Amino acid sequence: MTVENLSNPKLVFSIKWAASVVQIMGYAATGFGWTPWNLYLFLVGVVGWFLVGVLWNDRALMLVHLVALGAMIAGMVSS
């Protein structure tokens, strides 16, 4: 399966909305102090949005989420 086959509008729509909902859940979990669940939710959301960046061939979107992913992993490993 190639990226071209994966980049159909319905799939991208589903991934970006699912990732957005999961990230909002991560914000809520942070607000309620639900650690480490907030980090797990953020990881899923960040990976989802990175995938959307790949499917759209949007390097800025990929960069932002790759940096966020790296920072989150580094923080999780160091604590």
PDB file of N, CA and C in Angstrom:
ATOM      1  N   MET A   1       0.850  -1.182   0.000  1.00  0.00           N
ATOM      2  CA  MET A   1       0.000   0.000   0.000  1.00  0.00           C
ATOM      3  C   MET A   1       0.895   1.244   0.000  1.00  0.00           C
ATOM      4  N   THR A   2       0.647   2.166  -0.892  1.00  0.00           N
ATOM      5  CA  THR A   2       1.483   3.355  -1.009  1.00  0.00           C
ATOM      6  C   THR A   2       0.811   4.547  -0.337  1.00  0.00           C
ATOM      7  N   VAL A   3       1.595   5.611  -0.148  1.00  0.00           N
ATOM      8  CA  VAL A   3       1.061   6.836   0.455  1.00  0.00           C
ATOM      9  C   VAL A   3      -0.056   7.400  -0.415  1.00  0.00           C
ATOM     10  N   GLU A   4       0.077   7.279  -1.731  1.00  0.00           N
ATOM     11  CA  GLU A   4      -0.961   7.786  -2.627  1.00  0.00           C
ATOM     12  C   GLU A   4      -2.296   7.086  -2.358  1.00  0.00           C
ATOM     13  N   ASN A   5      -2.255   5.788  -2.098  1.00  0.00           N
ATOM     14  CA  ASN A   5      -3.478   5.045  -1.806  1.00  0.00           C
ATOM     15  C   ASN A   5      -4.067   5.435  -0.457  1.00  0.00           C
ATOM     16  N   LEU A   6      -3.216   5.840   0.467  1.00  0.00           N
ATOM     17  CA  LEU A   6      -3.681   6.196   1.805  1.00  0.00           C
ATOM     18  C   LEU A   6      -4.218   7.614   1.900  1.00  0.00           C
ATOM     19  N   SER A   7      -3.893   8.465   0.949  1.00  0.00           N
ATOM     20  CA  SER A   7      -4.211   9.882   1.096  1.00  0.00           C
ATOM     21  C   SER A   7      -5.594  10.240   0.565  1.00  0.00           C
ATOM     22  N   ASN A   8      -6.524   9.315   0.596  1.00  0.00           N
ATOM     23  CA  ASN A   8      -7.862   9.666   0.156  1.00  0.00           C
ATOM     24  C   ASN A   8      -8.507  10.582   1.196  1.00  0.00           C
ATOM     25  N   PRO A   9      -9.362  11.485   0.759  1.00  0.00           N
ATOM     26  CA  PRO A   9      -9.912  12.515   1.653  1.00  0.00           C
ATOM     27  C   PRO A   9     -10.656  11.962   2.868  1.00  0.00           C
ATOM     28  N   LYS A  10     -11.378  10.866   2.711  1.00  0.00           N
ATOM     29  CA  LYS A  10     -12.120  10.313   3.849  1.00  0.00           C
ATOM     30  C   LYS A  10     -11.183   9.793   4.931  1.00  0.00           C
ATOM     31  N   LEU A  11     -10.090   9.137   4.515  1.00  0.00           N
ATOM     32  CA  LEU A  11      -9.125   8.623   5.485  1.00  0.00           C
ATOM     33  C   LEU A  11      -8.450   9.769   6.228  1.00  0.00           C
ATOM     34  N   VAL A  12      -7.996  10.777   5.495  1.00  0.00           N
ATOM     35  CA  VAL A  12      -7.333  11.919   6.126  1.00  0.00           C
ATOM     36  C   VAL A  12      -8.294  12.626   7.069  1.00  0.00           C
ATOM     37  N   PHE A  13      -9.541  12.810   6.645  1.00  0.00           N
ATOM     38  CA  PHE A  13     -10.566  13.438   7.483  1.00  0.00           C
ATOM     39  C   PHE A  13     -10.714  12.672   8.798  1.00  0.00           C
ATOM     40  N   SER A  14     -10.790  11.361   8.713  1.00  0.00           N
ATOM     41  CA  SER A  14     -10.953  10.528   9.909  1.00  0.00           C
ATOM     42  C   SER A  14      -9.749  10.617  10.835  1.00  0.00           C
ATOM     43  N   ILE A  15      -8.556  10.554  10.269  1.00  0.00           N
ATOM     44  CA  ILE A  15      -7.341  10.603  11.086  1.00  0.00           C
ATOM     45  C   ILE A  15      -7.218  11.952  11.774  1.00  0.00           C
ATOM     46  N   LYS A  16      -7.426  13.047  11.030  1.00  0.00           N
ATOM     47  CA  LYS A  16      -7.224  14.360  11.651  1.00  0.00           C
ATOM     48  C   LYS A  16      -8.252  14.640  12.732  1.00  0.00           C
ATOM     49  N   TRP A  17      -9.501  14.183  12.557  1.00  0.00           N
ATOM     50  CA  TRP A  17     -10.495  14.417  13.597  1.00  0.00           C
ATOM     51  C   TRP A  17     -10.283  13.511  14.788  1.00  0.00           C
ATOM     52  N   ALA A  18      -9.906  12.279  14.549  1.00  0.00           N
ATOM     53  CA  ALA A  18      -9.611  11.373  15.664  1.00  0.00           C
ATOM     54  C   ALA A  18      -8.418  11.883  16.472  1.00  0.00           C
ATOM     55  N   ALA A  19      -7.367  12.316  15.765  1.00  0.00           N
ATOM     56  CA  ALA A  19      -6.185  12.856  16.450  1.00  0.00           C
ATOM     57  C   ALA A  19      -6.532  14.114  17.231  1.00  0.00           C
ATOM     58  N   SER A  20      -7.386  14.958  16.678  1.00  0.00           N
ATOM     59  CA  SER A  20      -7.794  16.183  17.375  1.00  0.00           C
ATOM     60  C   SER A  20      -8.572  15.865  18.641  1.00  0.00           C
ATOM     61  N   VAL A  21      -9.506  14.933  18.549  1.00  0.00           N
ATOM     62  CA  VAL A  21     -10.302  14.553  19.725  1.00  0.00           C
ATOM     63  C   VAL A  21      -9.400  13.957  20.801  1.00  0.00           C
ATOM     64  N   VAL A  22      -8.453  13.112  20.405  1.00  0.00           N
ATOM     65  CA  VAL A  22      -7.549  12.493  21.373  1.00  0.00           C
ATOM     66  C   VAL A  22      -6.667  13.556  22.021  1.00  0.00           C
ATOM     67  N   GLN A  23      -6.194  14.544  21.255  1.00  0.00           N
ATOM     68  CA  GLN A  23      -5.381  15.600  21.844  1.00  0.00           C
ATOM     69  C   GLN A  23      -6.199  16.450  22.811  1.00  0.00           C
ATOM     70  N   ILE A  24      -7.443  16.727  22.489  1.00  0.00           N
ATOM     71  CA  ILE A  24      -8.309  17.465  23.413  1.00  0.00           C
ATOM     72  C   ILE A  24      -8.492  16.664  24.699  1.00  0.00           C
ATOM     73  N   MET A  25      -8.627  15.368  24.570  1.00  0.00           N
ATOM     74  CA  MET A  25      -8.713  14.520  25.759  1.00  0.00           C
ATOM     75  C   MET A  25      -7.412  14.602  26.573  1.00  0.00           C
ATOM     76  N   GLY A  26      -6.284  14.722  25.888  1.00  0.00           N
ATOM     77  CA  GLY A  26      -5.001  14.898  26.568  1.00  0.00           C
ATOM     78  C   GLY A  26      -4.947  16.205  27.339  1.00  0.00           C
ATOM     79  N   TYR A  27      -5.491  17.279  26.743  1.00  0.00           N
ATOM     80  CA  TYR A  27      -5.554  18.562  27.463  1.00  0.00           C
ATOM     81  C   TYR A  27      -6.435  18.443  28.699  1.00  0.00           C
ATOM     82  N   ALA A  28      -7.567  17.776  28.556  1.00  0.00           N
ATOM     83  CA  ALA A  28      -8.463  17.587  29.700  1.00  0.00           C
ATOM     84  C   ALA A  28      -7.777  16.756  30.783  1.00  0.00           C
ATOM     85  N   ALA A  29      -7.096  15.692  30.382  1.00  0.00           N
ATOM     86  CA  ALA A  29      -6.385  14.856  31.343  1.00  0.00           C
ATOM     87  C   ALA A  29      -5.308  15.660  32.069  1.00  0.00           C
ATOM     88  N   THR A  30      -4.638  16.548  31.355  1.00  0.00           N
ATOM     89  CA  THR A  30      -3.646  17.411  31.993  1.00  0.00           C
ATOM     90  C   THR A  30      -4.312  18.326  33.007  1.00  0.00           C
ATOM     91  N   GLY A  31      -5.440  18.903  32.627  1.00  0.00           N
ATOM     92  CA  GLY A  31      -6.165  19.792  33.519  1.00  0.00           C
ATOM     93  C   GLY A  31      -6.609  19.117  34.800  1.00  0.00           C
ATOM     94  N   PHE A  32      -6.947  17.842  34.719  1.00  0.00           N
ATOM     95  CA  PHE A  32      -7.379  17.097  35.892  1.00  0.00           C
ATOM     96  C   PHE A  32      -6.220  16.398  36.610  1.00  0.00           C
ATOM     97  N   GLY A  33      -5.003  16.563  36.084  1.00  0.00           N
ATOM     98  CA  GLY A  33      -3.836  15.958  36.718  1.00  0.00           C
ATOM     99  C   GLY A  33      -3.736  14.459  36.529  1.00  0.00           C
ATOM    100  N   TRP A  34      -4.304  13.951  35.464  1.00  0.00           N
ATOM    101  CA  TRP A  34      -4.298  12.515  35.208  1.00  0.00           C
ATOM    102  C   TRP A  34      -3.037  12.104  34.461  1.00  0.00           C
ATOM    103  N   THR A  35      -1.952  12.027  35.189  1.00  0.00           N
ATOM    104  CA  THR A  35      -0.704  11.595  34.586  1.00  0.00           C
ATOM    105  C   THR A  35      -0.511  10.114  34.883  1.00  0.00           C
ATOM    106  N   PRO A  36       0.054   9.350  34.049  1.00  0.00           N
ATOM    107  CA  PRO A  36       0.656   9.641  32.760  1.00  0.00           C
ATOM    108  C   PRO A  36      -0.324   9.552  31.590  1.00  0.00           C
ATOM    109  N   TRP A  37      -1.630   9.366  31.872  1.00  0.00           N
ATOM    110  CA  TRP A  37      -2.603   9.208  30.790  1.00  0.00           C
ATOM    111  C   TRP A  37      -2.594  10.384  29.825  1.00  0.00           C
ATOM    112  N   ASN A  38      -2.355  11.588  30.358  1.00  0.00           N
ATOM    113  CA  ASN A  38      -2.322  12.750  29.468  1.00  0.00           C
ATOM    114  C   ASN A  38      -1.219  12.601  28.418  1.00  0.00           C
ATOM    115  N   LEU A  39      -0.075  12.089  28.824  1.00  0.00           N
ATOM    116  CA  LEU A  39       1.027  11.919  27.870  1.00  0.00           C
ATOM    117  C   LEU A  39       0.712  10.866  26.819  1.00  0.00           C
ATOM    118  N   TYR A  40       0.079   9.801  27.231  1.00  0.00           N
ATOM    119  CA  TYR A  40      -0.276   8.755  26.268  1.00  0.00           C
ATOM    120  C   TYR A  40      -1.272   9.292  25.238  1.00  0.00           C
ATOM    121  N   LEU A  41      -2.238  10.074  25.711  1.00  0.00           N
ATOM    122  CA  LEU A  41      -3.204  10.663  24.788  1.00  0.00           C
ATOM    123  C   LEU A  41      -2.517  11.631  23.827  1.00  0.00           C
ATOM    124  N   PHE A  42      -1.623  12.470  24.379  1.00  0.00           N
ATOM    125  CA  PHE A  42      -0.898  13.394  23.515  1.00  0.00           C
ATOM    126  C   PHE A  42      -0.050  12.654  22.487  1.00  0.00           C
ATOM    127  N   LEU A  43       0.572  11.563  22.885  1.00  0.00           N
ATOM    128  CA  LEU A  43       1.384  10.793  21.940  1.00  0.00           C
ATOM    129  C   LEU A  43       0.546  10.299  20.768  1.00  0.00           C
ATOM    130  N   VAL A  44      -0.630   9.774  21.056  1.00  0.00           N
ATOM    131  CA  VAL A  44      -1.511   9.284  19.988  1.00  0.00           C
ATOM    132  C   VAL A  44      -1.924  10.441  19.077  1.00  0.00           C
ATOM    133  N   GLY A  45      -2.291  11.575  19.671  1.00  0.00           N
ATOM    134  CA  GLY A  45      -2.697  12.729  18.869  1.00  0.00           C
ATOM    135  C   GLY A  45      -1.575  13.274  18.010  1.00  0.00           C
ATOM    136  N   VAL A  46      -0.388  13.354  18.580  1.00  0.00           N
ATOM    137  CA  VAL A  46       0.766  13.879  17.834  1.00  0.00           C
ATOM    138  C   VAL A  46       1.129  12.949  16.680  1.00  0.00           C
ATOM    139  N   VAL A  47       1.120  11.661  16.930  1.00  0.00           N
ATOM    140  CA  VAL A  47       1.417  10.703  15.853  1.00  0.00           C
ATOM    141  C   VAL A  47       0.349  10.791  14.759  1.00  0.00           C
ATOM    142  N   GLY A  48      -0.903  10.939  15.160  1.00  0.00           N
ATOM    143  CA  GLY A  48      -1.975  11.082  14.180  1.00  0.00           C
ATOM    144  C   GLY A  48      -1.783  12.302  13.298  1.00  0.00           C
ATOM    145  N   TRP A  49      -1.469  13.436  13.918  1.00  0.00           N
ATOM    146  CA  TRP A  49      -1.268  14.641  13.124  1.00  0.00           C
ATOM    147  C   TRP A  49       0.002  14.577  12.285  1.00  0.00           C
ATOM    148  N   PHE A  50       1.029  13.889  12.772  1.00  0.00           N
ATOM    149  CA  PHE A  50       2.222  13.685  11.947  1.00  0.00           C
ATOM    150  C   PHE A  50       1.859  12.876  10.707  1.00  0.00           C
ATOM    151  N   LEU A  51       1.037  11.850  10.881  1.00  0.00           N
ATOM    152  CA  LEU A  51       0.596  11.039   9.750  1.00  0.00           C
ATOM    153  C   LEU A  51      -0.198  11.882   8.745  1.00  0.00           C
ATOM    154  N   VAL A  52      -1.042  12.766   9.238  1.00  0.00           N
ATOM    155  CA  VAL A  52      -1.772  13.671   8.340  1.00  0.00           C
ATOM    156  C   VAL A  52      -0.786  14.526   7.549  1.00  0.00           C
ATOM    157  N   GLY A  53       0.245  15.026   8.224  1.00  0.00           N
ATOM    158  CA  GLY A  53       1.279  15.797   7.523  1.00  0.00           C
ATOM    159  C   GLY A  53       1.953  14.990   6.430  1.00  0.00           C
ATOM    160  N   VAL A  54       2.214  13.725   6.701  1.00  0.00           N
ATOM    161  CA  VAL A  54       2.824  12.846   5.688  1.00  0.00           C
ATOM    162  C   VAL A  54       1.868  12.673   4.509  1.00  0.00           C
ATOM    163  N   LEU A  55       0.613  12.397   4.810  1.00  0.00           N
ATOM    164  CA  LEU A  55      -0.365  12.154   3.742  1.00  0.00           C
ATOM    165  C   LEU A  55      -0.610  13.401   2.896  1.00  0.00           C
ATOM    166  N   TRP A  56      -0.540  14.570   3.525  1.00  0.00           N
ATOM    167  CA  TRP A  56      -0.708  15.826   2.794  1.00  0.00           C
ATOM    168  C   TRP A  56       0.600  16.335   2.195  1.00  0.00           C
ATOM    169  N   ASN A  57       1.702  15.656   2.507  1.00  0.00           N
ATOM    170  CA  ASN A  57       3.031  16.114   2.103  1.00  0.00           C
ATOM    171  C   ASN A  57       3.273  17.543   2.588  1.00  0.00           C
ATOM    172  N   ASP A  58       2.891  17.798   3.839  1.00  0.00           N
ATOM    173  CA  ASP A  58       3.018  19.115   4.467  1.00  0.00           C
ATOM    174  C   ASP A  58       4.189  19.057   5.454  1.00  0.00           C
ATOM    175  N   ARG A  59       5.329  19.557   5.021  1.00  0.00           N
ATOM    176  CA  ARG A  59       6.540  19.447   5.834  1.00  0.00           C
ATOM    177  C   ARG A  59       6.460  20.248   7.121  1.00  0.00           C
ATOM    178  N   ALA A  60       5.795  21.385   7.109  1.00  0.00           N
ATOM    179  CA  ALA A  60       5.655  22.181   8.332  1.00  0.00           C
ATOM    180  C   ALA A  60       4.860  21.410   9.383  1.00  0.00           C
ATOM    181  N   LEU A  61       3.784  20.782   8.971  1.00  0.00           N
ATOM    182  CA  LEU A  61       2.967  19.987   9.892  1.00  0.00           C
ATOM    183  C   LEU A  61       3.768  18.798  10.429  1.00  0.00           C
ATOM    184  N   MET A  62       4.538  18.171   9.560  1.00  0.00           N
ATOM    185  CA  MET A  62       5.373  17.058   9.999  1.00  0.00           C
ATOM    186  C   MET A  62       6.434  17.525  10.980  1.00  0.00           C
ATOM    187  N   LEU A  63       7.076  18.658  10.693  1.00  0.00           N
ATOM    188  CA  LEU A  63       8.140  19.161  11.554  1.00  0.00           C
ATOM    189  C   LEU A  63       7.630  19.485  12.951  1.00  0.00           C
ATOM    190  N   VAL A  64       6.530  20.210  13.034  1.00  0.00           N
ATOM    191  CA  VAL A  64       5.990  20.594  14.337  1.00  0.00           C
ATOM    192  C   VAL A  64       5.675  19.350  15.172  1.00  0.00           C
ATOM    193  N   HIS A  65       5.061  18.375  14.569  1.00  0.00           N
ATOM    194  CA  HIS A  65       4.658  17.197  15.331  1.00  0.00           C
ATOM    195  C   HIS A  65       5.815  16.238  15.583  1.00  0.00           C
ATOM    196  N   LEU A  66       6.801  16.227  14.718  1.00  0.00           N
ATOM    197  CA  LEU A  66       7.987  15.424  14.974  1.00  0.00           C
ATOM    198  C   LEU A  66       8.773  16.000  16.151  1.00  0.00           C
ATOM    199  N   VAL A  67       8.903  17.319  16.202  1.00  0.00           N
ATOM    200  CA  VAL A  67       9.584  17.969  17.327  1.00  0.00           C
ATOM    201  C   VAL A  67       8.805  17.732  18.623  1.00  0.00           C
ATOM    202  N   ALA A  68       7.479  17.879  18.566  1.00  0.00           N
ATOM    203  CA  ALA A  68       6.655  17.626  19.751  1.00  0.00           C
ATOM    204  C   ALA A  68       6.810  16.182  20.226  1.00  0.00           C
ATOM    205  N   LEU A  69       6.810  15.253  19.292  1.00  0.00           N
ATOM    206  CA  LEU A  69       6.973  13.844  19.632  1.00  0.00           C
ATOM    207  C   LEU A  69       8.331  13.601  20.289  1.00  0.00           C
ATOM    208  N   GLY A  70       9.382  14.168  19.707  1.00  0.00           N
ATOM    209  CA  GLY A  70      10.723  14.010  20.283  1.00  0.00           C
ATOM    210  C   GLY A  70      10.809  14.596  21.677  1.00  0.00           C
ATOM    211  N   ALA A  71      10.233  15.774  21.889  1.00  0.00           N
ATOM    212  CA  ALA A  71      10.269  16.402  23.209  1.00  0.00           C
ATOM    213  C   ALA A  71       9.495  15.573  24.224  1.00  0.00           C
ATOM    214  N   MET A  72       8.351  15.050  23.815  1.00  0.00           N
ATOM    215  CA  MET A  72       7.548  14.243  24.737  1.00  0.00           C
ATOM    216  C   MET A  72       8.266  12.951  25.100  1.00  0.00           C
ATOM    217  N   ILE A  73       8.859  12.301  24.137  1.00  0.00           N
ATOM    218  CA  ILE A  73       9.582  11.053  24.411  1.00  0.00           C
ATOM    219  C   ILE A  73      10.788  11.325  25.297  1.00  0.00           C
ATOM    220  N   ALA A  74      11.527  12.397  25.007  1.00  0.00           N
ATOM    221  CA  ALA A  74      12.683  12.734  25.836  1.00  0.00           C
ATOM    222  C   ALA A  74      12.253  13.016  27.274  1.00  0.00           C
ATOM    223  N   GLY A  75      11.151  13.717  27.449  1.00  0.00           N
ATOM    224  CA  GLY A  75      10.652  14.002  28.786  1.00  0.00           C
ATOM    225  C   GLY A  75      10.199  12.755  29.517  1.00  0.00           C
ATOM    226  N   MET A  76       9.556  11.855  28.795  1.00  0.00           N
ATOM    227  CA  MET A  76       9.085  10.618  29.419  1.00  0.00           C
ATOM    228  C   MET A  76      10.264   9.724  29.827  1.00  0.00           C
ATOM    229  N   VAL A  77      11.287   9.681  28.998  1.00  0.00           N
ATOM    230  CA  VAL A  77      12.442   8.832  29.286  1.00  0.00           C
ATOM    231  C   VAL A  77      13.246   9.397  30.462  1.00  0.00           C
ATOM    232  N   SER A  78      13.322  10.713  30.559  1.00  0.00           N
ATOM    233  CA  SER A  78      14.148  11.321  31.602  1.00  0.00           C
ATOM    234  C   SER A  78      13.472  11.360  32.969  1.00  0.00           C
ATOM    235  N   SER A  79      12.159  11.122  33.020  1.00  0.00           N
ATOM    236  CA  SER A  79      11.491  11.208  34.337  1.00  0.00           C
ATOM    237  C   SER A  79      11.327   9.870  35.008  1.00  0.00           C
TER     238      SER A  79
END
